N, C-alpha and C. Protein backbone atom coordinates (compact mmCIF):
# COMPACT_ATOMS: atom_id res chain seq x y z
N MET A 1 -87.85 -81.92 -161.25
CA MET A 1 -87.79 -81.66 -162.65
C MET A 1 -87.87 -80.16 -162.88
N PRO A 2 -86.99 -79.66 -163.67
CA PRO A 2 -87.02 -78.22 -163.93
C PRO A 2 -88.29 -77.81 -164.68
N ARG A 3 -88.90 -76.75 -164.23
CA ARG A 3 -90.11 -76.22 -164.86
C ARG A 3 -89.80 -75.70 -166.27
N GLU A 4 -88.57 -75.29 -166.49
CA GLU A 4 -88.18 -74.75 -167.79
C GLU A 4 -88.29 -75.78 -168.90
N LEU A 5 -88.06 -77.04 -168.60
CA LEU A 5 -88.19 -78.08 -169.62
C LEU A 5 -89.65 -78.22 -170.05
N ASP A 6 -90.55 -78.14 -169.11
CA ASP A 6 -91.98 -78.18 -169.42
C ASP A 6 -92.39 -76.99 -170.27
N GLU A 7 -91.91 -75.82 -169.91
CA GLU A 7 -92.23 -74.61 -170.67
C GLU A 7 -91.63 -74.66 -172.07
N ALA A 8 -90.42 -75.18 -172.20
CA ALA A 8 -89.79 -75.28 -173.51
C ALA A 8 -90.55 -76.25 -174.41
N ALA A 9 -91.07 -77.33 -173.84
CA ALA A 9 -91.84 -78.27 -174.65
C ALA A 9 -93.16 -77.65 -175.08
N VAL A 10 -93.77 -76.82 -174.24
CA VAL A 10 -95.01 -76.14 -174.61
C VAL A 10 -94.74 -75.17 -175.75
N ILE A 11 -93.63 -74.45 -175.69
CA ILE A 11 -93.26 -73.52 -176.76
C ILE A 11 -93.01 -74.26 -178.06
N ASP A 12 -92.43 -75.46 -177.96
CA ASP A 12 -92.18 -76.27 -179.17
C ASP A 12 -93.45 -76.89 -179.73
N GLY A 13 -94.56 -76.77 -179.03
CA GLY A 13 -95.83 -77.26 -179.55
C GLY A 13 -96.24 -78.64 -179.08
N ALA A 14 -95.64 -79.11 -178.02
CA ALA A 14 -96.00 -80.44 -177.52
C ALA A 14 -97.28 -80.37 -176.70
N SER A 15 -98.06 -81.44 -176.77
CA SER A 15 -99.28 -81.52 -175.96
C SER A 15 -98.89 -81.94 -174.54
N ARG A 16 -99.87 -81.92 -173.64
CA ARG A 16 -99.60 -82.33 -172.25
C ARG A 16 -99.15 -83.79 -172.19
N PHE A 17 -99.82 -84.63 -172.96
CA PHE A 17 -99.42 -86.03 -173.00
C PHE A 17 -98.03 -86.19 -173.63
N GLY A 18 -97.73 -85.41 -174.65
CA GLY A 18 -96.41 -85.45 -175.28
C GLY A 18 -95.31 -84.99 -174.33
N ILE A 19 -95.63 -83.98 -173.53
CA ILE A 19 -94.66 -83.51 -172.53
C ILE A 19 -94.39 -84.61 -171.51
N LEU A 20 -95.47 -85.25 -171.07
CA LEU A 20 -95.31 -86.33 -170.09
C LEU A 20 -94.51 -87.49 -170.68
N ARG A 21 -94.86 -87.86 -171.92
CA ARG A 21 -94.25 -89.05 -172.52
C ARG A 21 -92.82 -88.82 -172.98
N HIS A 22 -92.54 -87.68 -173.59
CA HIS A 22 -91.24 -87.46 -174.21
C HIS A 22 -90.25 -86.68 -173.35
N VAL A 23 -90.74 -85.97 -172.34
CA VAL A 23 -89.84 -85.15 -171.54
C VAL A 23 -89.76 -85.64 -170.10
N MET A 24 -90.91 -85.73 -169.43
CA MET A 24 -90.91 -86.00 -167.99
C MET A 24 -90.60 -87.46 -167.64
N LEU A 25 -91.22 -88.41 -168.33
CA LEU A 25 -90.96 -89.81 -168.01
C LEU A 25 -89.52 -90.25 -168.27
N PRO A 26 -88.89 -89.83 -169.38
CA PRO A 26 -87.48 -90.20 -169.53
C PRO A 26 -86.58 -89.60 -168.44
N LEU A 27 -86.92 -88.42 -167.97
CA LEU A 27 -86.13 -87.83 -166.89
C LEU A 27 -86.40 -88.51 -165.55
N ALA A 28 -87.61 -89.01 -165.38
CA ALA A 28 -87.98 -89.63 -164.11
C ALA A 28 -87.67 -91.12 -164.07
N ARG A 29 -87.25 -91.72 -165.18
CA ARG A 29 -87.01 -93.16 -165.23
C ARG A 29 -86.01 -93.64 -164.17
N PRO A 30 -84.87 -93.01 -163.97
CA PRO A 30 -83.97 -93.51 -162.92
C PRO A 30 -84.58 -93.44 -161.52
N ALA A 31 -85.28 -92.36 -161.24
CA ALA A 31 -85.89 -92.24 -159.91
C ALA A 31 -87.00 -93.27 -159.72
N LEU A 32 -87.83 -93.47 -160.75
CA LEU A 32 -88.89 -94.46 -160.66
C LEU A 32 -88.32 -95.88 -160.56
N GLY A 33 -87.23 -96.14 -161.28
CA GLY A 33 -86.60 -97.46 -161.20
C GLY A 33 -86.01 -97.73 -159.82
N ALA A 34 -85.35 -96.73 -159.25
CA ALA A 34 -84.77 -96.90 -157.92
C ALA A 34 -85.87 -97.07 -156.87
N ALA A 35 -86.90 -96.24 -156.94
CA ALA A 35 -87.99 -96.34 -155.97
C ALA A 35 -88.75 -97.65 -156.12
N GLY A 36 -89.00 -98.07 -157.35
CA GLY A 36 -89.70 -99.33 -157.57
C GLY A 36 -88.90 -100.53 -157.09
N THR A 37 -87.61 -100.52 -157.34
CA THR A 37 -86.77 -101.64 -156.91
C THR A 37 -86.68 -101.72 -155.39
N LEU A 38 -86.50 -100.58 -154.75
CA LEU A 38 -86.43 -100.59 -153.29
C LEU A 38 -87.77 -100.95 -152.66
N ALA A 39 -88.87 -100.55 -153.29
CA ALA A 39 -90.20 -100.95 -152.80
C ALA A 39 -90.41 -102.46 -152.96
N PHE A 40 -89.95 -103.01 -154.09
CA PHE A 40 -90.06 -104.46 -154.30
C PHE A 40 -89.25 -105.23 -153.26
N VAL A 41 -88.04 -104.79 -152.99
CA VAL A 41 -87.20 -105.48 -152.01
C VAL A 41 -87.84 -105.39 -150.62
N GLY A 42 -88.38 -104.23 -150.29
CA GLY A 42 -89.03 -104.08 -148.98
C GLY A 42 -90.26 -104.95 -148.84
N SER A 43 -91.06 -105.05 -149.89
CA SER A 43 -92.25 -105.88 -149.80
C SER A 43 -91.92 -107.37 -149.89
N TRP A 44 -90.88 -107.72 -150.64
CA TRP A 44 -90.48 -109.12 -150.75
C TRP A 44 -89.96 -109.65 -149.41
N ASN A 45 -89.28 -108.81 -148.66
CA ASN A 45 -88.70 -109.23 -147.40
C ASN A 45 -89.64 -109.02 -146.21
N GLU A 46 -90.90 -108.72 -146.46
CA GLU A 46 -91.86 -108.51 -145.39
C GLU A 46 -92.15 -109.83 -144.69
N PHE A 47 -91.85 -109.88 -143.42
CA PHE A 47 -92.04 -111.11 -142.65
C PHE A 47 -93.31 -111.07 -141.82
N VAL A 48 -93.56 -109.96 -141.15
CA VAL A 48 -94.67 -109.87 -140.20
C VAL A 48 -96.01 -110.02 -140.90
N ALA A 49 -96.22 -109.32 -142.00
CA ALA A 49 -97.51 -109.40 -142.69
C ALA A 49 -97.76 -110.81 -143.21
N GLY A 50 -96.76 -111.46 -143.71
CA GLY A 50 -96.93 -112.81 -144.23
C GLY A 50 -97.17 -113.84 -143.15
N SER A 51 -96.63 -113.62 -141.97
CA SER A 51 -96.80 -114.61 -140.92
C SER A 51 -98.05 -114.35 -140.07
N VAL A 52 -98.52 -113.12 -140.02
CA VAL A 52 -99.69 -112.81 -139.20
C VAL A 52 -100.99 -112.89 -139.99
N MET A 53 -101.00 -112.39 -141.21
CA MET A 53 -102.24 -112.27 -141.97
C MET A 53 -102.66 -113.53 -142.70
N VAL A 54 -101.74 -114.45 -142.92
CA VAL A 54 -102.06 -115.65 -143.69
C VAL A 54 -102.07 -116.84 -142.74
N ASP A 55 -103.22 -117.53 -142.69
CA ASP A 55 -103.35 -118.67 -141.79
C ASP A 55 -102.99 -120.00 -142.44
N ALA A 56 -103.32 -120.16 -143.71
CA ALA A 56 -103.08 -121.42 -144.39
C ALA A 56 -101.59 -121.59 -144.70
N PRO A 57 -101.00 -122.70 -144.30
CA PRO A 57 -99.55 -122.88 -144.53
C PRO A 57 -99.17 -122.90 -146.00
N TRP A 58 -100.05 -123.35 -146.89
CA TRP A 58 -99.71 -123.43 -148.31
C TRP A 58 -99.81 -122.08 -149.01
N LEU A 59 -100.35 -121.05 -148.33
CA LEU A 59 -100.45 -119.71 -148.91
C LEU A 59 -99.39 -118.74 -148.39
N ARG A 60 -98.61 -119.18 -147.43
CA ARG A 60 -97.63 -118.28 -146.82
C ARG A 60 -96.51 -117.94 -147.78
N PRO A 61 -95.99 -116.71 -147.68
CA PRO A 61 -94.81 -116.35 -148.49
C PRO A 61 -93.58 -117.13 -148.03
N ILE A 62 -92.51 -116.96 -148.76
CA ILE A 62 -91.34 -117.80 -148.51
C ILE A 62 -90.61 -117.42 -147.20
N GLN A 63 -90.68 -116.18 -146.77
CA GLN A 63 -89.96 -115.79 -145.56
C GLN A 63 -90.50 -116.49 -144.31
N PRO A 64 -91.82 -116.54 -144.07
CA PRO A 64 -92.29 -117.34 -142.93
C PRO A 64 -92.03 -118.83 -143.10
N LEU A 65 -92.01 -119.32 -144.33
CA LEU A 65 -91.69 -120.73 -144.54
C LEU A 65 -90.23 -121.02 -144.19
N ILE A 66 -89.36 -120.08 -144.47
CA ILE A 66 -87.95 -120.26 -144.08
C ILE A 66 -87.84 -120.36 -142.57
N TYR A 67 -88.61 -119.53 -141.87
CA TYR A 67 -88.58 -119.54 -140.41
C TYR A 67 -89.11 -120.87 -139.85
N SER A 68 -89.97 -121.55 -140.60
CA SER A 68 -90.51 -122.82 -140.11
C SER A 68 -89.46 -123.92 -140.05
N PHE A 69 -88.32 -123.75 -140.71
CA PHE A 69 -87.25 -124.74 -140.64
C PHE A 69 -86.42 -124.61 -139.37
N ILE A 70 -86.71 -123.59 -138.58
CA ILE A 70 -86.03 -123.43 -137.30
C ILE A 70 -86.98 -123.97 -136.23
N GLY A 71 -86.63 -125.08 -135.64
CA GLY A 71 -87.50 -125.75 -134.68
C GLY A 71 -87.01 -125.61 -133.26
N PHE A 72 -87.74 -126.23 -132.35
CA PHE A 72 -87.40 -126.17 -130.93
C PHE A 72 -86.14 -126.96 -130.63
N PHE A 73 -85.93 -128.04 -131.34
CA PHE A 73 -84.79 -128.91 -131.06
C PHE A 73 -83.60 -128.67 -131.98
N GLY A 74 -83.69 -127.72 -132.87
CA GLY A 74 -82.57 -127.43 -133.75
C GLY A 74 -83.03 -126.90 -135.09
N ARG A 75 -82.07 -126.81 -135.97
CA ARG A 75 -82.35 -126.28 -137.31
C ARG A 75 -82.13 -127.36 -138.35
N GLU A 76 -82.96 -127.32 -139.37
CA GLU A 76 -82.78 -128.22 -140.50
C GLU A 76 -81.99 -127.43 -141.54
N TRP A 77 -80.66 -127.58 -141.52
CA TRP A 77 -79.79 -126.71 -142.32
C TRP A 77 -79.95 -126.91 -143.82
N GLY A 78 -80.18 -128.10 -144.28
CA GLY A 78 -80.31 -128.34 -145.71
C GLY A 78 -81.51 -127.62 -146.31
N PRO A 79 -82.73 -127.89 -145.83
CA PRO A 79 -83.89 -127.17 -146.37
C PRO A 79 -83.85 -125.67 -146.09
N LEU A 80 -83.28 -125.28 -144.96
CA LEU A 80 -83.18 -123.86 -144.62
C LEU A 80 -82.30 -123.12 -145.63
N THR A 81 -81.16 -123.71 -145.97
CA THR A 81 -80.26 -123.09 -146.93
C THR A 81 -80.85 -123.09 -148.34
N ALA A 82 -81.53 -124.17 -148.70
CA ALA A 82 -82.15 -124.24 -150.04
C ALA A 82 -83.27 -123.21 -150.17
N ALA A 83 -84.09 -123.07 -149.14
CA ALA A 83 -85.18 -122.09 -149.17
C ALA A 83 -84.65 -120.66 -149.19
N ALA A 84 -83.60 -120.40 -148.43
CA ALA A 84 -83.01 -119.06 -148.44
C ALA A 84 -82.40 -118.73 -149.80
N THR A 85 -81.81 -119.71 -150.45
CA THR A 85 -81.26 -119.49 -151.78
C THR A 85 -82.37 -119.19 -152.79
N LEU A 86 -83.47 -119.92 -152.69
CA LEU A 86 -84.61 -119.65 -153.58
C LEU A 86 -85.23 -118.29 -153.31
N ALA A 87 -85.20 -117.84 -152.05
CA ALA A 87 -85.77 -116.53 -151.71
C ALA A 87 -84.91 -115.39 -152.23
N ILE A 88 -83.64 -115.63 -152.43
CA ILE A 88 -82.73 -114.57 -152.89
C ILE A 88 -82.80 -114.40 -154.41
N ILE A 89 -83.19 -115.43 -155.14
CA ILE A 89 -83.16 -115.39 -156.61
C ILE A 89 -83.97 -114.23 -157.20
N PRO A 90 -85.23 -113.98 -156.78
CA PRO A 90 -85.96 -112.84 -157.36
C PRO A 90 -85.29 -111.50 -157.09
N ILE A 91 -84.71 -111.33 -155.92
CA ILE A 91 -84.02 -110.08 -155.61
C ILE A 91 -82.81 -109.91 -156.51
N LEU A 92 -82.05 -110.97 -156.74
CA LEU A 92 -80.89 -110.89 -157.63
C LEU A 92 -81.30 -110.58 -159.06
N VAL A 93 -82.40 -111.15 -159.51
CA VAL A 93 -82.87 -110.88 -160.87
C VAL A 93 -83.28 -109.41 -161.02
N VAL A 94 -84.01 -108.89 -160.04
CA VAL A 94 -84.43 -107.48 -160.09
C VAL A 94 -83.22 -106.56 -160.08
N PHE A 95 -82.26 -106.83 -159.21
CA PHE A 95 -81.07 -105.98 -159.16
C PHE A 95 -80.22 -106.12 -160.42
N ALA A 96 -80.19 -107.30 -161.02
CA ALA A 96 -79.43 -107.46 -162.26
C ALA A 96 -80.07 -106.68 -163.40
N LEU A 97 -81.39 -106.66 -163.44
CA LEU A 97 -82.07 -105.94 -164.52
C LEU A 97 -82.14 -104.44 -164.29
N LEU A 98 -82.32 -104.02 -163.05
CA LEU A 98 -82.54 -102.61 -162.76
C LEU A 98 -81.42 -101.96 -161.94
N GLY A 99 -80.29 -102.64 -161.82
CA GLY A 99 -79.19 -102.09 -161.03
C GLY A 99 -78.66 -100.78 -161.57
N ARG A 100 -78.64 -100.66 -162.88
CA ARG A 100 -78.16 -99.42 -163.51
C ARG A 100 -79.09 -98.26 -163.15
N LEU A 101 -80.39 -98.51 -163.13
CA LEU A 101 -81.34 -97.46 -162.77
C LEU A 101 -81.23 -97.07 -161.30
N ILE A 102 -80.90 -98.03 -160.46
CA ILE A 102 -80.74 -97.70 -159.04
C ILE A 102 -79.57 -96.77 -158.84
N VAL A 103 -78.44 -97.10 -159.43
CA VAL A 103 -77.25 -96.25 -159.28
C VAL A 103 -77.48 -94.87 -159.86
N SER A 104 -78.05 -94.80 -161.05
CA SER A 104 -78.27 -93.48 -161.65
C SER A 104 -79.36 -92.71 -160.91
N GLY A 105 -80.37 -93.41 -160.35
CA GLY A 105 -81.40 -92.73 -159.59
C GLY A 105 -80.90 -92.18 -158.28
N LEU A 106 -79.99 -92.90 -157.64
CA LEU A 106 -79.45 -92.44 -156.37
C LEU A 106 -78.45 -91.30 -156.55
N THR A 107 -77.76 -91.28 -157.69
CA THR A 107 -76.77 -90.23 -157.92
C THR A 107 -77.32 -89.06 -158.73
N LYS A 108 -78.58 -89.13 -159.13
CA LYS A 108 -79.16 -88.07 -159.96
C LYS A 108 -79.21 -86.74 -159.22
N GLY A 109 -79.47 -86.76 -157.95
CA GLY A 109 -79.57 -85.52 -157.21
C GLY A 109 -78.27 -85.06 -156.56
N SER A 110 -77.18 -85.75 -156.83
CA SER A 110 -75.92 -85.35 -156.22
C SER A 110 -75.35 -84.11 -156.89
N VAL A 111 -74.46 -83.47 -156.18
CA VAL A 111 -73.87 -82.22 -156.66
C VAL A 111 -72.55 -82.52 -157.34
N LYS A 112 -72.35 -81.96 -158.52
CA LYS A 112 -71.08 -82.13 -159.22
C LYS A 112 -70.03 -81.23 -158.59
N GLY A 113 -68.82 -81.68 -158.70
CA GLY A 113 -67.80 -80.76 -158.28
C GLY A 113 -66.74 -81.36 -157.50
């Protein structure tokens, strides 16, 4: 964030909270949206923590439960596909709602020309 925007807001008489609320947060919204969405996707797809730290089968996240449909004698394709489809739905919802912020956040630092 350019320091000049902060200084210009101080000259205009804005308080520190006003600078944060009206100047800095609107400029940081695309970056915060992109970082938040990518952090959500990374934590949602975490397999190791969900399979190692949780002992009770009814408390496990959906990723280790999907893996439980793969057995020694084969795969149960129907439940496996249904569980994988259900696991994708939250990711699709987040990307549908915040996809614009991801694109603008990733291209915010690019060079014009």
